[in-house]
Amino acid sequence: MRSSVGSWRGRLARLIGRGGPAVVAEAAGMSRNTVIAGAKAFDAGEGPTGRVRAEGGGRPRLEDVDPTLLLDLDDLVEPDSRGDPMSPLRWTLKSTRQLARAL
């Protein structure tokens, strides 16, 4: 089960018995299928994971898609950077829009 809320509501649906998922879903304002999934996870002995979404979801990191991205960005920022060169925080005169267009 992905979240403790779904698992908790699945347990509550099991306690109510027949029609429990529909009652819990309507009271909670969530999908009946989510409550049923929580009840199945409860039946299987799965506990809450503390996560809201499944691990690995979302789009891939841009550094993984284009390995040269950080080097290219550093080359664009370096000529106009300000501040301490040893500091990880650097100031640049270029806007993020200009940098995105150049990349």
N, C-alpha and C. Protein backbone atom coordinates (compact mmCIF):
# COMPACT_ATOMS: atom_id res chain seq x y z
N MET A 1 0.86 -1.19 0.00
CA MET A 1 0.00 0.00 0.00
C MET A 1 0.88 1.22 0.00
N ARG A 2 0.51 2.21 -0.74
CA ARG A 2 1.35 3.38 -0.91
C ARG A 2 1.25 4.37 0.23
N SER A 3 0.12 4.51 0.85
CA SER A 3 0.03 5.52 1.90
C SER A 3 -0.66 4.95 3.12
N SER A 4 -0.36 5.54 4.24
CA SER A 4 -0.99 5.08 5.48
C SER A 4 -2.47 5.44 5.50
N VAL A 5 -2.86 6.50 4.78
CA VAL A 5 -4.26 6.91 4.74
C VAL A 5 -5.10 5.86 4.04
N GLY A 6 -4.64 5.37 2.88
CA GLY A 6 -5.36 4.35 2.14
C GLY A 6 -5.46 3.05 2.93
N SER A 7 -4.38 2.70 3.60
CA SER A 7 -4.38 1.49 4.41
C SER A 7 -5.35 1.62 5.58
N TRP A 8 -5.35 2.76 6.21
CA TRP A 8 -6.25 3.00 7.34
C TRP A 8 -7.70 2.94 6.90
N ARG A 9 -7.99 3.53 5.76
CA ARG A 9 -9.37 3.52 5.25
C ARG A 9 -9.77 2.13 4.78
N GLY A 10 -8.81 1.36 4.27
CA GLY A 10 -9.09 -0.02 3.90
C GLY A 10 -9.46 -0.86 5.11
N ARG A 11 -8.75 -0.64 6.21
CA ARG A 11 -9.07 -1.35 7.46
C ARG A 11 -10.47 -0.99 7.93
N LEU A 12 -10.79 0.29 7.87
CA LEU A 12 -12.12 0.76 8.29
C LEU A 12 -13.21 0.13 7.42
N ALA A 13 -12.96 0.03 6.13
CA ALA A 13 -13.93 -0.60 5.22
C ALA A 13 -14.13 -2.06 5.58
N ARG A 14 -13.07 -2.77 5.96
CA ARG A 14 -13.18 -4.17 6.37
C ARG A 14 -13.99 -4.30 7.66
N LEU A 15 -13.82 -3.34 8.57
CA LEU A 15 -14.58 -3.38 9.83
C LEU A 15 -16.07 -3.18 9.59
N ILE A 16 -16.41 -2.34 8.64
CA ILE A 16 -17.83 -2.08 8.34
C ILE A 16 -18.47 -3.30 7.71
N GLY A 17 -17.71 -4.01 6.88
CA GLY A 17 -18.24 -5.21 6.24
C GLY A 17 -18.78 -4.90 4.86
N ARG A 18 -19.87 -5.59 4.49
CA ARG A 18 -20.43 -5.46 3.15
C ARG A 18 -20.83 -4.01 2.88
N GLY A 19 -20.38 -3.47 1.76
CA GLY A 19 -20.66 -2.08 1.40
C GLY A 19 -19.72 -1.10 2.06
N GLY A 20 -18.78 -1.59 2.86
CA GLY A 20 -17.84 -0.73 3.57
C GLY A 20 -17.01 0.16 2.68
N PRO A 21 -16.43 -0.38 1.60
CA PRO A 21 -15.63 0.49 0.72
C PRO A 21 -16.42 1.66 0.15
N ALA A 22 -17.66 1.43 -0.23
CA ALA A 22 -18.47 2.52 -0.78
C ALA A 22 -18.77 3.57 0.27
N VAL A 23 -19.09 3.12 1.49
CA VAL A 23 -19.40 4.06 2.57
C VAL A 23 -18.17 4.89 2.93
N VAL A 24 -17.02 4.22 3.08
CA VAL A 24 -15.79 4.93 3.44
C VAL A 24 -15.36 5.88 2.32
N ALA A 25 -15.48 5.43 1.08
CA ALA A 25 -15.08 6.28 -0.05
C ALA A 25 -15.94 7.53 -0.13
N GLU A 26 -17.23 7.37 0.07
CA GLU A 26 -18.11 8.54 0.01
C GLU A 26 -17.84 9.49 1.18
N ALA A 27 -17.63 8.94 2.36
CA ALA A 27 -17.37 9.79 3.53
C ALA A 27 -16.02 10.51 3.41
N ALA A 28 -15.04 9.85 2.82
CA ALA A 28 -13.70 10.43 2.71
C ALA A 28 -13.53 11.27 1.46
N GLY A 29 -14.46 11.14 0.51
CA GLY A 29 -14.33 11.89 -0.73
C GLY A 29 -13.23 11.36 -1.62
N MET A 30 -13.06 10.05 -1.61
CA MET A 30 -12.02 9.45 -2.43
C MET A 30 -12.60 8.32 -3.27
N SER A 31 -11.81 7.78 -4.15
CA SER A 31 -12.27 6.72 -5.04
C SER A 31 -12.51 5.44 -4.27
N ARG A 32 -13.59 4.75 -4.65
CA ARG A 32 -13.90 3.46 -4.04
C ARG A 32 -12.79 2.45 -4.34
N ASN A 33 -12.20 2.55 -5.54
CA ASN A 33 -11.12 1.64 -5.92
C ASN A 33 -9.89 1.82 -5.01
N THR A 34 -9.63 3.03 -4.58
CA THR A 34 -8.51 3.28 -3.67
C THR A 34 -8.76 2.62 -2.32
N VAL A 35 -10.00 2.71 -1.84
CA VAL A 35 -10.34 2.08 -0.57
C VAL A 35 -10.25 0.56 -0.70
N ILE A 36 -10.71 0.02 -1.83
CA ILE A 36 -10.63 -1.42 -2.05
C ILE A 36 -9.17 -1.87 -2.10
N ALA A 37 -8.30 -1.10 -2.75
CA ALA A 37 -6.88 -1.42 -2.80
C ALA A 37 -6.28 -1.40 -1.40
N GLY A 38 -6.70 -0.44 -0.58
CA GLY A 38 -6.23 -0.39 0.81
C GLY A 38 -6.70 -1.59 1.61
N ALA A 39 -7.93 -2.02 1.37
CA ALA A 39 -8.46 -3.20 2.06
C ALA A 39 -7.71 -4.46 1.64
N LYS A 40 -7.38 -4.58 0.35
CA LYS A 40 -6.62 -5.74 -0.12
C LYS A 40 -5.22 -5.75 0.49
N ALA A 41 -4.61 -4.58 0.58
CA ALA A 41 -3.28 -4.49 1.18
C ALA A 41 -3.35 -4.88 2.66
N PHE A 42 -4.41 -4.46 3.34
CA PHE A 42 -4.59 -4.81 4.74
C PHE A 42 -4.76 -6.32 4.89
N ASP A 43 -5.54 -6.93 3.99
CA ASP A 43 -5.75 -8.38 4.03
C ASP A 43 -4.44 -9.14 3.79
N ALA A 44 -3.58 -8.58 2.94
CA ALA A 44 -2.30 -9.22 2.64
C ALA A 44 -1.27 -9.00 3.73
N GLY A 45 -1.60 -8.20 4.72
CA GLY A 45 -0.67 -7.95 5.83
C GLY A 45 0.33 -6.85 5.57
N GLU A 46 0.12 -6.09 4.51
CA GLU A 46 1.03 -4.99 4.20
C GLU A 46 0.75 -3.82 5.12
N GLY A 47 1.80 -3.22 5.61
CA GLY A 47 1.65 -2.04 6.45
C GLY A 47 1.87 -0.79 5.65
N PRO A 48 1.57 0.35 6.22
CA PRO A 48 1.79 1.62 5.51
C PRO A 48 3.29 1.87 5.30
N THR A 49 3.62 2.42 4.14
CA THR A 49 5.01 2.69 3.82
C THR A 49 5.42 4.13 4.12
N GLY A 50 4.46 5.00 4.29
CA GLY A 50 4.77 6.40 4.51
C GLY A 50 4.91 7.18 3.21
N ARG A 51 4.85 6.50 2.08
CA ARG A 51 4.95 7.16 0.78
C ARG A 51 3.57 7.48 0.25
N VAL A 52 3.46 8.57 -0.48
CA VAL A 52 2.20 8.92 -1.11
C VAL A 52 2.12 8.32 -2.50
N ARG A 53 3.23 8.34 -3.21
CA ARG A 53 3.28 7.79 -4.57
C ARG A 53 4.24 6.62 -4.63
N ALA A 54 4.05 5.80 -5.64
CA ALA A 54 4.93 4.66 -5.82
C ALA A 54 6.34 5.12 -6.15
N GLU A 55 7.32 4.37 -5.69
CA GLU A 55 8.71 4.72 -5.94
C GLU A 55 9.03 4.56 -7.42
N GLY A 56 9.81 5.48 -7.96
CA GLY A 56 10.19 5.41 -9.35
C GLY A 56 9.24 6.14 -10.29
N GLY A 57 8.21 6.74 -9.76
CA GLY A 57 7.28 7.46 -10.60
C GLY A 57 7.84 8.80 -11.04
N GLY A 58 7.25 9.39 -12.05
CA GLY A 58 7.68 10.70 -12.52
C GLY A 58 8.63 10.60 -13.70
N ARG A 59 8.97 11.73 -14.23
CA ARG A 59 9.85 11.71 -15.39
C ARG A 59 11.30 11.55 -14.93
N PRO A 60 12.16 11.06 -15.82
CA PRO A 60 13.56 10.85 -15.45
C PRO A 60 14.28 12.18 -15.23
N ARG A 61 15.30 12.13 -14.40
CA ARG A 61 16.09 13.33 -14.13
C ARG A 61 16.78 13.78 -15.41
N LEU A 62 16.88 15.08 -15.60
CA LEU A 62 17.49 15.61 -16.82
C LEU A 62 18.97 15.26 -16.90
N GLU A 63 19.63 15.11 -15.75
CA GLU A 63 21.05 14.72 -15.75
C GLU A 63 21.20 13.30 -16.29
N ASP A 64 20.19 12.45 -16.09
CA ASP A 64 20.25 11.08 -16.60
C ASP A 64 19.97 11.04 -18.10
N VAL A 65 19.11 11.94 -18.56
CA VAL A 65 18.77 11.99 -19.99
C VAL A 65 19.93 12.58 -20.78
N ASP A 66 20.53 13.66 -20.28
CA ASP A 66 21.64 14.34 -20.96
C ASP A 66 22.81 14.46 -19.98
N PRO A 67 23.78 13.55 -20.03
CA PRO A 67 24.89 13.58 -19.07
C PRO A 67 25.76 14.83 -19.14
N THR A 68 25.73 15.55 -20.26
CA THR A 68 26.58 16.73 -20.39
C THR A 68 25.87 18.01 -19.95
N LEU A 69 24.65 17.89 -19.43
CA LEU A 69 23.84 19.06 -19.10
C LEU A 69 24.54 19.97 -18.09
N LEU A 70 25.06 19.42 -17.00
CA LEU A 70 25.68 20.26 -15.97
C LEU A 70 26.95 20.93 -16.47
N LEU A 71 27.72 20.23 -17.29
CA LEU A 71 28.93 20.84 -17.85
C LEU A 71 28.57 21.98 -18.81
N ASP A 72 27.53 21.75 -19.62
CA ASP A 72 27.08 22.79 -20.56
C ASP A 72 26.57 24.01 -19.79
N LEU A 73 25.82 23.77 -18.74
CA LEU A 73 25.31 24.87 -17.93
C LEU A 73 26.44 25.64 -17.26
N ASP A 74 27.43 24.92 -16.76
CA ASP A 74 28.58 25.56 -16.14
C ASP A 74 29.34 26.42 -17.15
N ASP A 75 29.46 25.95 -18.37
CA ASP A 75 30.14 26.73 -19.42
C ASP A 75 29.38 28.00 -19.75
N LEU A 76 28.05 27.96 -19.67
CA LEU A 76 27.25 29.16 -19.95
C LEU A 76 27.34 30.18 -18.81
N VAL A 77 27.40 29.70 -17.58
CA VAL A 77 27.37 30.59 -16.42
C VAL A 77 28.75 31.17 -16.11
N GLU A 78 29.79 30.41 -16.35
CA GLU A 78 31.14 30.79 -15.93
C GLU A 78 31.60 32.18 -16.38
N PRO A 79 31.42 32.59 -17.64
CA PRO A 79 31.95 33.90 -18.04
C PRO A 79 31.32 35.08 -17.28
N ASP A 80 30.09 34.95 -16.85
CA ASP A 80 29.40 36.06 -16.19
C ASP A 80 29.17 35.82 -14.70
N SER A 81 29.85 34.86 -14.11
CA SER A 81 29.58 34.54 -12.70
C SER A 81 30.27 35.55 -11.78
N ARG A 82 29.68 35.71 -10.61
CA ARG A 82 30.20 36.62 -9.59
C ARG A 82 30.27 35.87 -8.27
N GLY A 83 31.02 36.41 -7.34
CA GLY A 83 31.10 35.83 -6.01
C GLY A 83 32.34 34.98 -5.83
N ASP A 84 32.41 34.31 -4.71
CA ASP A 84 33.54 33.48 -4.34
C ASP A 84 33.60 32.25 -5.26
N PRO A 85 34.71 32.04 -5.97
CA PRO A 85 34.78 30.90 -6.88
C PRO A 85 34.78 29.55 -6.16
N MET A 86 35.12 29.53 -4.89
CA MET A 86 35.13 28.28 -4.13
C MET A 86 33.77 27.95 -3.53
N SER A 87 32.87 28.90 -3.54
CA SER A 87 31.55 28.68 -2.96
C SER A 87 30.65 27.94 -3.96
N PRO A 88 29.80 27.01 -3.46
CA PRO A 88 28.89 26.33 -4.38
C PRO A 88 27.80 27.26 -4.91
N LEU A 89 27.57 28.36 -4.21
CA LEU A 89 26.57 29.34 -4.64
C LEU A 89 27.25 30.37 -5.52
N ARG A 90 26.79 30.48 -6.76
CA ARG A 90 27.37 31.45 -7.67
C ARG A 90 26.28 32.36 -8.20
N TRP A 91 26.65 33.59 -8.47
CA TRP A 91 25.72 34.57 -9.01
C TRP A 91 26.04 34.75 -10.48
N THR A 92 25.01 34.92 -11.27
CA THR A 92 25.20 35.14 -12.69
C THR A 92 24.31 36.28 -13.15
N LEU A 93 24.69 36.91 -14.24
CA LEU A 93 23.92 38.02 -14.78
C LEU A 93 22.84 37.51 -15.74
N LYS A 94 22.91 36.23 -16.10
CA LYS A 94 21.93 35.68 -17.03
C LYS A 94 20.71 35.17 -16.28
N SER A 95 19.56 35.36 -16.90
CA SER A 95 18.33 34.87 -16.30
C SER A 95 18.16 33.38 -16.60
N THR A 96 17.31 32.73 -15.84
CA THR A 96 17.05 31.31 -16.08
C THR A 96 16.42 31.11 -17.46
N ARG A 97 15.66 32.08 -17.91
CA ARG A 97 15.06 31.99 -19.25
C ARG A 97 16.15 32.02 -20.32
N GLN A 98 17.14 32.90 -20.15
CA GLN A 98 18.24 32.96 -21.11
C GLN A 98 19.06 31.67 -21.11
N LEU A 99 19.30 31.14 -19.91
CA LEU A 99 20.07 29.91 -19.81
C LEU A 99 19.31 28.73 -20.43
N ALA A 100 18.00 28.65 -20.19
CA ALA A 100 17.21 27.56 -20.75
C ALA A 100 17.19 27.64 -22.28
N ARG A 101 17.08 28.85 -22.81
CA ARG A 101 17.08 29.02 -24.27
C ARG A 101 18.42 28.60 -24.85
N ALA A 102 19.51 28.94 -24.17
CA ALA A 102 20.84 28.61 -24.67
C ALA A 102 21.12 27.11 -24.60
N LEU A 103 20.54 26.45 -23.61
CA LEU A 103 20.74 25.00 -23.50
C LEU A 103 19.95 24.28 -24.57
